[in-house]
C-alpha atoms as a PDB file:
ATOM      1  CA  MET A   1     123.980 273.686 165.821  1.00  0.00           C
ATOM      2  CA  GLU A   2     123.131 277.287 163.809  1.00  0.00           C
ATOM      3  CA  LEU A   3     124.910 279.528 162.235  1.00  0.00           C
ATOM      4  CA  ARG A   4     125.263 281.982 165.301  1.00  0.00           C
ATOM      5  CA  HIS A   5     127.120 278.869 167.298  1.00  0.00           C
ATOM      6  CA  LEU A   6     129.954 278.969 164.981  1.00  0.00           C
ATOM      7  CA  ARG A   7     129.934 282.976 165.083  1.00  0.00           C
ATOM      8  CA  TYR A   8     130.555 282.746 168.297  1.00  0.00           C
ATOM      9  CA  PHE A   9     132.985 279.739 168.912  1.00  0.00           C
ATOM     10  CA  VAL A  10     135.359 281.884 166.284  1.00  0.00           C
ATOM     11  CA  ALA A  11     135.034 285.144 167.955  1.00  0.00           C
ATOM     12  CA  VAL A  12     136.002 283.500 171.339  1.00  0.00           C
ATOM     13  CA  ALA A  13     138.782 281.439 169.609  1.00  0.00           C
ATOM     14  CA  GLU A  14     140.125 284.982 168.297  1.00  0.00           C
ATOM     15  CA  GLU A  15     139.592 286.758 171.245  1.00  0.00           C
ATOM     16  CA  GLY A  16     140.884 284.368 173.592  1.00  0.00           C
ATOM     17  CA  HIS A  17     138.723 286.267 176.436  1.00  0.00           C
ATOM     18  CA  ILE A  18     134.524 285.514 176.533  1.00  0.00           C
ATOM     19  CA  THR A  19     134.174 288.841 177.710  1.00  0.00           C
ATOM     20  CA  ARG A  20     135.818 290.925 174.774  1.00  0.00           C
ATOM     21  CA  ALA A  21     134.482 288.050 172.601  1.00  0.00           C
ATOM     22  CA  ALA A  22     130.951 289.412 173.607  1.00  0.00           C
ATOM     23  CA  GLU A  23     131.630 292.780 173.073  1.00  0.00           C
ATOM     24  CA  ARG A  24     132.980 292.317 169.810  1.00  0.00           C
ATOM     25  CA  LEU A  25     129.428 290.341 169.131  1.00  0.00           C
ATOM     26  CA  GLY A  26     127.414 292.933 170.778  1.00  0.00           C
ATOM     27  CA  ILE A  27     125.898 290.618 173.217  1.00  0.00           C
ATOM     28  CA  GLN A  28     126.094 289.852 177.007  1.00  0.00           C
ATOM     29  CA  GLN A  29     128.709 288.033 178.616  1.00  0.00           C
ATOM     30  CA  PRO A  30     126.527 285.412 180.022  1.00  0.00           C
ATOM     31  CA  PRO A  31     124.462 284.149 177.250  1.00  0.00           C
ATOM     32  CA  LEU A  32     127.973 283.768 174.980  1.00  0.00           C
ATOM     33  CA  SER A  33     129.066 281.323 177.281  1.00  0.00           C
ATOM     34  CA  HIS A  34     125.683 279.190 177.965  1.00  0.00           C
ATOM     35  CA  GLN A  35     125.976 279.160 173.859  1.00  0.00           C
ATOM     36  CA  ILE A  36     129.454 278.113 174.011  1.00  0.00           C
ATOM     37  CA  LYS A  37     128.639 275.083 176.445  1.00  0.00           C
ATOM     38  CA  ALA A  38     125.758 274.331 174.487  1.00  0.00           C
ATOM     39  CA  LEU A  39     128.106 273.773 171.632  1.00  0.00           C
ATOM     40  CA  GLU A  40     130.304 271.553 173.303  1.00  0.00           C
ATOM     41  CA  ARG A  41     127.661 269.482 174.630  1.00  0.00           C
ATOM     42  CA  GLU A  42     125.942 269.432 170.670  1.00  0.00           C
ATOM     43  CA  ILE A  43     129.542 268.448 169.921  1.00  0.00           C
ATOM     44  CA  GLY A  44     130.180 266.186 173.008  1.00  0.00           C
ATOM     45  CA  VAL A  45     133.845 267.589 173.266  1.00  0.00           C
ATOM     46  CA  GLN A  46     135.344 270.255 175.024  1.00  0.00           C
ATOM     47  CA  LEU A  47     136.878 272.760 172.876  1.00  0.00           C
ATOM     48  CA  PHE A  48     137.731 275.651 175.303  1.00  0.00           C
ATOM     49  CA  ARG A  49     140.351 274.984 178.213  1.00  0.00           C
ATOM     50  CA  ARG A  50     139.196 277.727 180.835  1.00  0.00           C
ATOM     51  CA  LEU A  51     142.184 279.850 182.057  1.00  0.00           C
ATOM     52  CA  PRO A  52     142.249 282.439 185.063  1.00  0.00           C
ATOM     53  CA  ARG A  53     142.510 285.548 182.372  1.00  0.00           C
ATOM     54  CA  GLY A  54     140.655 283.786 179.587  1.00  0.00           C
ATOM     55  CA  VAL A  55     140.727 280.936 177.266  1.00  0.00           C
ATOM     56  CA  GLU A  56     142.281 278.796 175.300  1.00  0.00           C
ATOM     57  CA  LEU A  57     141.320 276.066 172.204  1.00  0.00           C
ATOM     58  CA  THR A  58     142.104 272.056 173.092  1.00  0.00           C
ATOM     59  CA  GLU A  59     143.123 270.259 170.849  1.00  0.00           C
ATOM     60  CA  ALA A  60     139.633 269.378 169.755  1.00  0.00           C
ATOM     61  CA  GLY A  61     139.032 273.395 169.208  1.00  0.00           C
ATOM     62  CA  ARG A  62     142.299 273.704 167.053  1.00  0.00           C
ATOM     63  CA  SER A  63     140.797 270.970 164.882  1.00  0.00           C
ATOM     64  CA  PHE A  64     137.368 272.546 164.501  1.00  0.00           C
ATOM     65  CA  ILE A  65     138.501 276.265 164.261  1.00  0.00           C
ATOM     66  CA  GLU A  66     139.348 275.949 160.727  1.00  0.00           C
ATOM     67  CA  ASP A  67     136.388 274.002 159.487  1.00  0.00           C
ATOM     68  CA  ALA A  68     133.930 276.528 161.551  1.00  0.00           C
ATOM     69  CA  ARG A  69     135.515 279.586 159.387  1.00  0.00           C
ATOM     70  CA  ALA A  70     135.511 277.931 156.239  1.00  0.00           C
ATOM     71  CA  ALA A  71     131.718 277.076 156.862  1.00  0.00           C
ATOM     72  CA  LEU A  72     131.065 280.749 157.637  1.00  0.00           C
ATOM     73  CA  ALA A  73     133.342 281.808 154.394  1.00  0.00           C
ATOM     74  CA  ARG A  74     131.334 279.555 152.395  1.00  0.00           C
ATOM     75  CA  VAL A  75     127.936 280.859 154.177  1.00  0.00           C
ATOM     76  CA  GLY A  76     128.869 284.377 153.559  1.00  0.00           C
ATOM     77  CA  GLN A  77     130.024 283.726 149.672  1.00  0.00           C
ATOM     78  CA  GLY A  78     126.688 282.135 149.041  1.00  0.00           C
ATOM     79  CA  VAL A  79     124.571 285.200 150.401  1.00  0.00           C
ATOM     80  CA  GLU A  80     127.257 287.665 148.464  1.00  0.00           C
ATOM     81  CA  ALA A  81     126.392 285.592 145.193  1.00  0.00           C
ATOM     82  CA  ALA A  82     122.843 285.776 146.063  1.00  0.00           C
ATOM     83  CA  LYS A  83     122.971 289.361 146.195  1.00  0.00           C
ATOM     84  CA  ARG A  84     124.468 289.718 143.070  1.00  0.00           C
ATOM     85  CA  ALA A  85     122.205 287.316 141.339  1.00  0.00           C
ATOM     86  CA  ALA A  86     119.142 289.599 142.415  1.00  0.00           C
ATOM     87  CA  ARG A  87     121.504 292.512 141.401  1.00  0.00           C
ATOM     88  CA  GLY A  88     122.168 290.815 137.888  1.00  0.00           C
ATOM     89  CA  GLU A  89     125.549 290.675 138.643  1.00  0.00           C
ATOM     90  CA  GLN A  90     126.115 287.080 138.276  1.00  0.00           C
ATOM     91  CA  GLY A  91     124.088 284.142 136.311  1.00  0.00           C
ATOM     92  CA  HIS A  92     124.066 283.193 132.854  1.00  0.00           C
ATOM     93  CA  LEU A  93     122.141 284.830 129.854  1.00  0.00           C
ATOM     94  CA  ARG A  94     120.893 283.180 126.593  1.00  0.00           C
ATOM     95  CA  LEU A  95     120.938 285.683 124.188  1.00  0.00           C
ATOM     96  CA  ALA A  96     119.381 285.131 120.248  1.00  0.00           C
ATOM     97  CA  VAL A  97     120.655 286.621 117.086  1.00  0.00           C
ATOM     98  CA  PRO A  98     119.593 286.758 113.918  1.00  0.00           C
ATOM     99  CA  PRO A  99     122.554 285.459 110.785  1.00  0.00           C
ATOM    100  CA  THR A 100     123.054 289.375 110.264  1.00  0.00           C
ATOM    101  CA  ALA A 101     123.207 290.811 113.124  1.00  0.00           C
ATOM    102  CA  PRO A 102     126.801 290.097 114.485  1.00  0.00           C
ATOM    103  CA  PHE A 103     128.357 292.034 111.120  1.00  0.00           C
ATOM    104  CA  HIS A 104     126.454 295.478 112.338  1.00  0.00           C
ATOM    105  CA  PRO A 105     129.471 296.717 114.965  1.00  0.00           C
ATOM    106  CA  PHE A 106     127.157 297.852 117.271  1.00  0.00           C
ATOM    107  CA  VAL A 107     126.205 294.174 118.129  1.00  0.00           C
ATOM    108  CA  PRO A 108     129.338 292.901 119.543  1.00  0.00           C
ATOM    109  CA  GLN A 109     130.348 296.124 120.744  1.00  0.00           C
ATOM    110  CA  VAL A 110     127.413 296.158 123.262  1.00  0.00           C
ATOM    111  CA  ILE A 111     127.957 292.023 123.920  1.00  0.00           C
ATOM    112  CA  LEU A 112     131.467 292.957 125.292  1.00  0.00           C
ATOM    113  CA  ALA A 113     130.822 296.116 126.660  1.00  0.00           C
ATOM    114  CA  PHE A 114     128.283 293.677 128.754  1.00  0.00           C
ATOM    115  CA  ARG A 115     131.000 291.166 129.794  1.00  0.00           C
ATOM    116  CA  GLU A 116     133.043 293.933 131.003  1.00  0.00           C
ATOM    117  CA  ALA A 117     130.941 295.582 133.087  1.00  0.00           C
ATOM    118  CA  TYR A 118     129.316 291.818 134.550  1.00  0.00           C
ATOM    119  CA  PRO A 119     132.038 289.679 134.203  1.00  0.00           C
ATOM    120  CA  LEU A 120     130.579 287.179 136.553  1.00  0.00           C
ATOM    121  CA  VAL A 121     127.222 286.788 133.698  1.00  0.00           C
ATOM    122  CA  SER A 122     128.133 283.749 131.644  1.00  0.00           C
ATOM    123  CA  LEU A 123     126.600 284.168 128.205  1.00  0.00           C
ATOM    124  CA  THR A 124     125.633 282.307 125.336  1.00  0.00           C
ATOM    125  CA  MET A 125     124.586 283.007 121.834  1.00  0.00           C
ATOM    126  CA  GLU A 126     122.198 281.024 119.546  1.00  0.00           C
ATOM    127  CA  GLU A 127     121.979 282.194 116.082  1.00  0.00           C
ATOM    128  CA  ASN A 128     117.981 282.301 114.833  1.00  0.00           C
ATOM    129  CA  LEU A 129     115.565 283.992 112.637  1.00  0.00           C
ATOM    130  CA  ARG A 130     112.700 285.953 113.613  1.00  0.00           C
ATOM    131  CA  MET A 131     109.814 283.406 114.086  1.00  0.00           C
ATOM    132  CA  GLU A 132     111.603 281.005 115.910  1.00  0.00           C
ATOM    133  CA  THR A 133     113.371 283.739 118.202  1.00  0.00           C
ATOM    134  CA  LEU A 134     110.035 285.200 119.212  1.00  0.00           C
ATOM    135  CA  ASP A 135     108.941 281.460 119.843  1.00  0.00           C
ATOM    136  CA  GLN A 136     111.609 280.637 121.815  1.00  0.00           C
ATOM    137  CA  LEU A 137     111.564 283.874 123.843  1.00  0.00           C
ATOM    138  CA  ARG A 138     108.096 282.967 124.838  1.00  0.00           C
ATOM    139  CA  GLY A 139     108.971 279.500 125.643  1.00  0.00           C
ATOM    140  CA  GLY A 140     111.771 280.654 127.900  1.00  0.00           C
ATOM    141  CA  GLN A 141     114.468 278.833 125.559  1.00  0.00           C
ATOM    142  CA  MET A 142     115.860 282.372 125.046  1.00  0.00           C
ATOM    143  CA  ASP A 143     116.228 285.217 127.682  1.00  0.00           C
ATOM    144  CA  VAL A 144     116.776 288.181 125.423  1.00  0.00           C
ATOM    145  CA  ALA A 145     116.910 288.700 121.507  1.00  0.00           C
ATOM    146  CA  PHE A 146     118.351 291.158 118.874  1.00  0.00           C
ATOM    147  CA  LEU A 147     115.737 291.659 116.045  1.00  0.00           C
ATOM    148  CA  ARG A 148     116.527 292.716 112.613  1.00  0.00           C
ATOM    149  CA  ALA A 149     112.917 294.318 112.390  1.00  0.00           C
ATOM    150  CA  SER A 150     111.177 297.187 113.673  1.00  0.00           C
ATOM    151  CA  ILE A 151     107.677 295.570 115.125  1.00  0.00           C
ATOM    152  CA  ALA A 152     104.943 296.042 117.554  1.00  0.00           C
ATOM    153  CA  ALA A 153     105.418 293.919 120.612  1.00  0.00           C
ATOM    154  CA  PRO A 154     103.780 290.567 120.428  1.00  0.00           C
ATOM    155  CA  GLU A 155     101.867 289.222 123.452  1.00  0.00           C
ATOM    156  CA  GLY A 156     103.760 288.700 126.233  1.00  0.00           C
ATOM    157  CA  LEU A 157     106.986 290.175 125.006  1.00  0.00           C
ATOM    158  CA  VAL A 158     108.490 294.063 125.022  1.00  0.00           C
ATOM    159  CA  VAL A 159     110.401 295.035 121.896  1.00  0.00           C
ATOM    160  CA  HIS A 160     112.765 298.142 122.149  1.00  0.00           C
ATOM    161  CA  PRO A 161     113.824 299.532 118.623  1.00  0.00           C
ATOM    162  CA  LEU A 162     117.356 300.488 118.389  1.00  0.00           C
ATOM    163  CA  LEU A 163     118.809 301.700 115.426  1.00  0.00           C
ATOM    164  CA  GLU A 164     118.117 301.924 111.488  1.00  0.00           C
ATOM    165  CA  GLU A 165     120.740 301.669 108.700  1.00  0.00           C
ATOM    166  CA  PRO A 166     119.828 301.574 104.804  1.00  0.00           C
ATOM    167  CA  MET A 167     120.090 299.095 102.578  1.00  0.00           C
ATOM    168  CA  VAL A 168     122.559 298.521  99.789  1.00  0.00           C
ATOM    169  CA  ALA A 169     122.619 296.426  96.518  1.00  0.00           C
ATOM    170  CA  ALA A 170     124.679 293.107  96.485  1.00  0.00           C
ATOM    171  CA  LEU A 171     125.328 292.651  92.860  1.00  0.00           C
ATOM    172  CA  PRO A 172     127.690 289.726  90.964  1.00  0.00           C
ATOM    173  CA  SER A 173     130.681 291.496  90.354  1.00  0.00           C
ATOM    174  CA  GLY A 174     130.544 290.824  86.831  1.00  0.00           C
ATOM    175  CA  HIS A 175     127.182 291.915  86.323  1.00  0.00           C
ATOM    176  CA  ALA A 176     127.709 295.547  84.317  1.00  0.00           C
ATOM    177  CA  LEU A 177     126.289 297.857  87.123  1.00  0.00           C
ATOM    178  CA  ALA A 178     128.973 296.482  88.904  1.00  0.00           C
ATOM    179  CA  ARG A 179     131.127 296.872  86.868  1.00  0.00           C
ATOM    180  CA  SER A 180     130.231 300.334  85.622  1.00  0.00           C
ATOM    181  CA  ALA A 181     130.386 301.905  89.401  1.00  0.00           C
ATOM    182  CA  PRO A 182     133.429 304.134  89.578  1.00  0.00           C
ATOM    183  CA  SER A 183     133.943 302.866  92.818  1.00  0.00           C
ATOM    184  CA  GLN A 184     131.657 300.299  95.268  1.00  0.00           C
ATOM    185  CA  ASP A 185     130.228 303.446  97.052  1.00  0.00           C
ATOM    186  CA  ALA A 186     128.694 304.658  93.964  1.00  0.00           C
ATOM    187  CA  ALA A 187     125.459 305.229  94.455  1.00  0.00           C
ATOM    188  CA  LEU A 188     122.721 303.592  92.393  1.00  0.00           C
ATOM    189  CA  PRO A 189     119.177 304.240  91.811  1.00  0.00           C
ATOM    190  CA  LEU A 190     117.015 300.987  92.628  1.00  0.00           C
ATOM    191  CA  ARG A 191     114.994 301.587  89.578  1.00  0.00           C
ATOM    192  CA  ALA A 192     118.285 300.239  87.446  1.00  0.00           C
ATOM    193  CA  LEU A 193     117.594 296.888  89.055  1.00  0.00           C
ATOM    194  CA  ALA A 194     113.994 296.554  87.472  1.00  0.00           C
ATOM    195  CA  GLY A 195     114.451 293.878  85.149  1.00  0.00           C
ATOM    196  CA  GLU A 196     116.834 291.752  87.417  1.00  0.00           C
ATOM    197  CA  THR A 197     115.984 288.942  89.234  1.00  0.00           C
ATOM    198  CA  PHE A 198     115.844 289.254  93.187  1.00  0.00           C
ATOM    199  CA  ILE A 199     117.155 286.674  95.416  1.00  0.00           C
ATOM    200  CA  ALA A 200     114.443 286.585  98.653  1.00  0.00           C
ATOM    201  CA  TYR A 201     116.043 286.173 102.150  1.00  0.00           C
ATOM    202  CA  ALA A 202     113.882 283.895 104.492  1.00  0.00           C
ATOM    203  CA  ARG A 203     110.384 284.987 103.571  1.00  0.00           C
ATOM    204  CA  GLN A 204     109.005 283.325 106.142  1.00  0.00           C
ATOM    205  CA  GLN A 205     110.859 283.270 109.212  1.00  0.00           C
ATOM    206  CA  GLY A 206     112.584 286.170 109.232  1.00  0.00           C
ATOM    207  CA  PRO A 207     110.221 288.188 106.474  1.00  0.00           C
ATOM    208  CA  ALA A 208     111.332 292.000 107.638  1.00  0.00           C
ATOM    209  CA  LEU A 209     114.609 292.368 105.216  1.00  0.00           C
ATOM    210  CA  TYR A 210     112.431 290.715 102.177  1.00  0.00           C
ATOM    211  CA  GLU A 211     109.533 293.072 103.146  1.00  0.00           C
ATOM    212  CA  ALA A 212     111.820 296.319 103.410  1.00  0.00           C
ATOM    213  CA  MET A 213     113.512 295.185  99.998  1.00  0.00           C
ATOM    214  CA  ALA A 214     109.816 294.515  98.380  1.00  0.00           C
ATOM    215  CA  ALA A 215     108.473 297.434  99.697  1.00  0.00           C
ATOM    216  CA  ALA A 216     111.635 299.998  98.343  1.00  0.00           C
ATOM    217  CA  CYS A 217     111.019 298.200  94.608  1.00  0.00           C
ATOM    218  CA  LEU A 218     107.464 299.173  94.925  1.00  0.00           C
ATOM    219  CA  GLN A 219     107.987 302.983  95.746  1.00  0.00           C
ATOM    220  CA  ALA A 220     110.615 302.848  93.077  1.00  0.00           C
ATOM    221  CA  GLY A 221     107.659 302.005  90.453  1.00  0.00           C
ATOM    222  CA  PHE A 222     108.335 297.970  89.895  1.00  0.00           C
ATOM    223  CA  SER A 223     107.468 295.222  91.764  1.00  0.00           C
ATOM    224  CA  PRO A 224     110.376 292.987  92.151  1.00  0.00           C
ATOM    225  CA  GLN A 225     111.243 289.539  90.141  1.00  0.00           C
ATOM    226  CA  LEU A 226     111.973 287.212  92.686  1.00  0.00           C
ATOM    227  CA  GLY A 227     113.987 284.198  92.027  1.00  0.00           C
ATOM    228  CA  GLN A 228     115.287 281.225  94.355  1.00  0.00           C
ATOM    229  CA  GLU A 229     114.749 281.438  97.899  1.00  0.00           C
ATOM    230  CA  ALA A 230     118.035 281.567 100.507  1.00  0.00           C
ATOM    231  CA  PRO A 231     117.219 280.275 104.476  1.00  0.00           C
ATOM    232  CA  ARG A 232     120.250 282.630 105.354  1.00  0.00           C
ATOM    233  CA  ILE A 233     121.946 285.904 104.096  1.00  0.00           C
ATOM    234  CA  SER A 234     125.034 283.980 103.668  1.00  0.00           C
ATOM    235  CA  THR A 235     123.401 281.582 101.133  1.00  0.00           C
ATOM    236  CA  ALA A 236     121.707 284.500  99.488  1.00  0.00           C
ATOM    237  CA  LEU A 237     125.151 286.187  99.056  1.00  0.00           C
ATOM    238  CA  SER A 238     126.856 283.096  97.574  1.00  0.00           C
ATOM    239  CA  LEU A 239     123.488 283.027  95.205  1.00  0.00           C
ATOM    240  CA  VAL A 240     124.460 286.081  93.902  1.00  0.00           C
ATOM    241  CA  ALA A 241     127.894 285.552  93.858  1.00  0.00           C
ATOM    242  CA  THR A 242     127.197 282.597  91.727  1.00  0.00           C
ATOM    243  CA  GLY A 243     125.091 285.221  89.288  1.00  0.00           C
ATOM    244  CA  PHE A 244     121.467 284.021  90.159  1.00  0.00           C
ATOM    245  CA  GLY A 245     120.397 287.042  90.596  1.00  0.00           C
ATOM    246  CA  VAL A 246     120.335 290.348  92.825  1.00  0.00           C
ATOM    247  CA  THR A 247     119.506 291.323  96.391  1.00  0.00           C
ATOM    248  CA  LEU A 248     119.315 294.087  98.904  1.00  0.00           C
ATOM    249  CA  VAL A 249     121.237 293.535 102.588  1.00  0.00           C
ATOM    250  CA  PRO A 250     122.003 295.462 105.587  1.00  0.00           C
ATOM    251  CA  ALA A 251     124.642 298.016 104.706  1.00  0.00           C
ATOM    252  CA  SER A 252     126.707 296.646 107.962  1.00  0.00           C
ATOM    253  CA  MET A 253     126.812 293.689 105.523  1.00  0.00           C
ATOM    254  CA  ARG A 254     129.396 295.135 103.455  1.00  0.00           C
ATOM    255  CA  ARG A 255     131.873 293.542 106.052  1.00  0.00           C
ATOM    256  CA  MET A 256     131.245 290.353 104.705  1.00  0.00           C
ATOM    257  CA  VAL A 257     133.608 290.815 101.880  1.00  0.00           C
ATOM    258  CA  LEU A 258     132.912 287.657  99.275  1.00  0.00           C
ATOM    259  CA  GLU A 259     134.778 287.318  96.106  1.00  0.00           C
ATOM    260  CA  GLY A 260     132.306 287.646  93.391  1.00  0.00           C
ATOM    261  CA  VAL A 261     129.473 290.206  95.382  1.00  0.00           C
ATOM    262  CA  THR A 262     130.182 293.836  95.128  1.00  0.00           C
ATOM    263  CA  TYR A 263     127.890 296.034  97.080  1.00  0.00           C
ATOM    264  CA  ARG A 264     126.599 299.354  95.963  1.00  0.00           C
ATOM    265  CA  GLU A 265     124.835 302.573  97.352  1.00  0.00           C
ATOM    266  CA  LEU A 266     121.051 303.060  96.427  1.00  0.00           C
ATOM    267  CA  SER A 267     120.248 306.661  95.788  1.00  0.00           C
ATOM    268  CA  GLY A 268     116.694 308.473  95.243  1.00  0.00           C
ATOM    269  CA  ALA A 269     113.275 308.355  96.888  1.00  0.00           C
ATOM    270  CA  ALA A 270     113.308 304.473  97.369  1.00  0.00           C
ATOM    271  CA  GLN A 271     115.351 303.833 100.131  1.00  0.00           C
ATOM    272  CA  ALA A 272     114.808 300.570 101.862  1.00  0.00           C
ATOM    273  CA  ARG A 273     115.606 300.482 105.915  1.00  0.00           C
ATOM    274  CA  ALA A 274     117.250 297.908 107.951  1.00  0.00           C
ATOM    275  CA  PHE A 275     116.142 297.998 111.908  1.00  0.00           C
ATOM    276  CA  LEU A 276     118.041 296.497 114.699  1.00  0.00           C
ATOM    277  CA  SER A 277     115.680 295.932 117.867  1.00  0.00           C
ATOM    278  CA  ILE A 278     115.825 293.964 121.299  1.00  0.00           C
ATOM    279  CA  ALA A 279     113.409 292.136 122.768  1.00  0.00           C
ATOM    280  CA  ALA A 280     112.568 289.908 126.048  1.00  0.00           C
ATOM    281  CA  ARG A 281     109.809 288.600 128.075  1.00  0.00           C
ATOM    282  CA  ARG A 282     107.262 291.219 129.633  1.00  0.00           C
ATOM    283  CA  ASP A 283     107.092 289.391 132.584  1.00  0.00           C
ATOM    284  CA  ASP A 284     110.625 288.556 133.013  1.00  0.00           C
ATOM    285  CA  SER A 285     112.126 289.435 136.422  1.00  0.00           C
ATOM    286  CA  SER A 286     115.542 288.982 135.932  1.00  0.00           C
ATOM    287  CA  GLY A 287     118.145 291.181 136.888  1.00  0.00           C
ATOM    288  CA  ILE A 288     121.008 290.240 134.389  1.00  0.00           C
ATOM    289  CA  VAL A 289     118.212 290.893 131.588  1.00  0.00           C
ATOM    290  CA  ARG A 290     117.108 294.165 133.036  1.00  0.00           C
ATOM    291  CA  ASN A 291     120.803 295.094 132.675  1.00  0.00           C
ATOM    292  CA  PHE A 292     121.286 293.912 129.508  1.00  0.00           C
ATOM    293  CA  VAL A 293     118.710 295.527 127.910  1.00  0.00           C
ATOM    294  CA  ALA A 294     119.293 298.722 129.776  1.00  0.00           C
ATOM    295  CA  LEU A 295     122.843 298.596 128.753  1.00  0.00           C
ATOM    296  CA  VAL A 296     122.198 298.054 125.224  1.00  0.00           C
ATOM    297  CA  ARG A 297     119.714 300.803 125.320  1.00  0.00           C
ATOM    298  CA  ARG A 298     121.822 303.418 126.418  1.00  0.00           C
ATOM    299  CA  ALA A 299     124.717 302.563 124.176  1.00  0.00           C
ATOM    300  CA  ALA A 300     121.808 302.615 121.352  1.00  0.00           C
ATOM    301  CA  GLN A 301     120.708 306.185 122.233  1.00  0.00           C
ATOM    302  CA  ARG A 302     124.038 307.543 122.574  1.00  0.00           C
ATOM    303  CA  LYS A 303     124.882 306.115 118.718  1.00  0.00           C
ATOM    304  CA  ALA A 304     121.716 307.746 117.359  1.00  0.00           C
ATOM    305  CA  GLN A 305     122.644 311.015 118.515  1.00  0.00           C
ATOM    306  CA  PRO A 306     124.473 313.595 116.408  1.00  0.00           C
END
């Protein structure tokens, strides 16, 4: 039994007349009559009762018609689902984000915009640092990733820079430089932190922010004295809150209000910058990935415009 047999059967049943059904289907009447008879032979029952002015369904035909319609509908749904998947409008997207990305308003905004634009795409997120994220992208465990770095594309991947922002100092709230600030927005020369112990954040697995901090300190005329290393940004800020040292974080991290931590903007030429990029596999043919990356890049371009 072929799908066309079901389409022919449904058309004849709905028209109640073979000639009108043939016109509707765009075929000749004799071949349609032949196909209907062939379907009845294959099923082994009579589906239509021939009348002087048309045909009507037999009891067997009335039993078969709903299943035939349902089968055609399911095939139609499958065809549309395949087309939506090819257009990147249906399926699943695995997204990796670094620990600091959710605090940048841009990231949740574009994820929400994507979900609204493509409601049939399910999305799962996993928090990882850069080295693990790049391995997962190359290995196919992740489809696309936000990176807190502006880097040359590793082999097999494509990386698109999106936005950048200044880094700010995170100080223990009891620190003299925190207490002396007229407000949390008062700018602080980075050189003022030359004698402080710096909390290093993920130097091996996510080195971009540490490298930006170290480079800014060197530009300000000193080499940072490193203290305890923190595996996550939240851990680094907890260490700051308990007086283990100071650190530099992306300005968007000020949204993470933590008791015992005061944020200060930095002044002077030694400005550390934090970057946000998006990465995917170079040879990924997924329409979902293409749509997500394109939406994110357009949003970043609009945001970057003055």
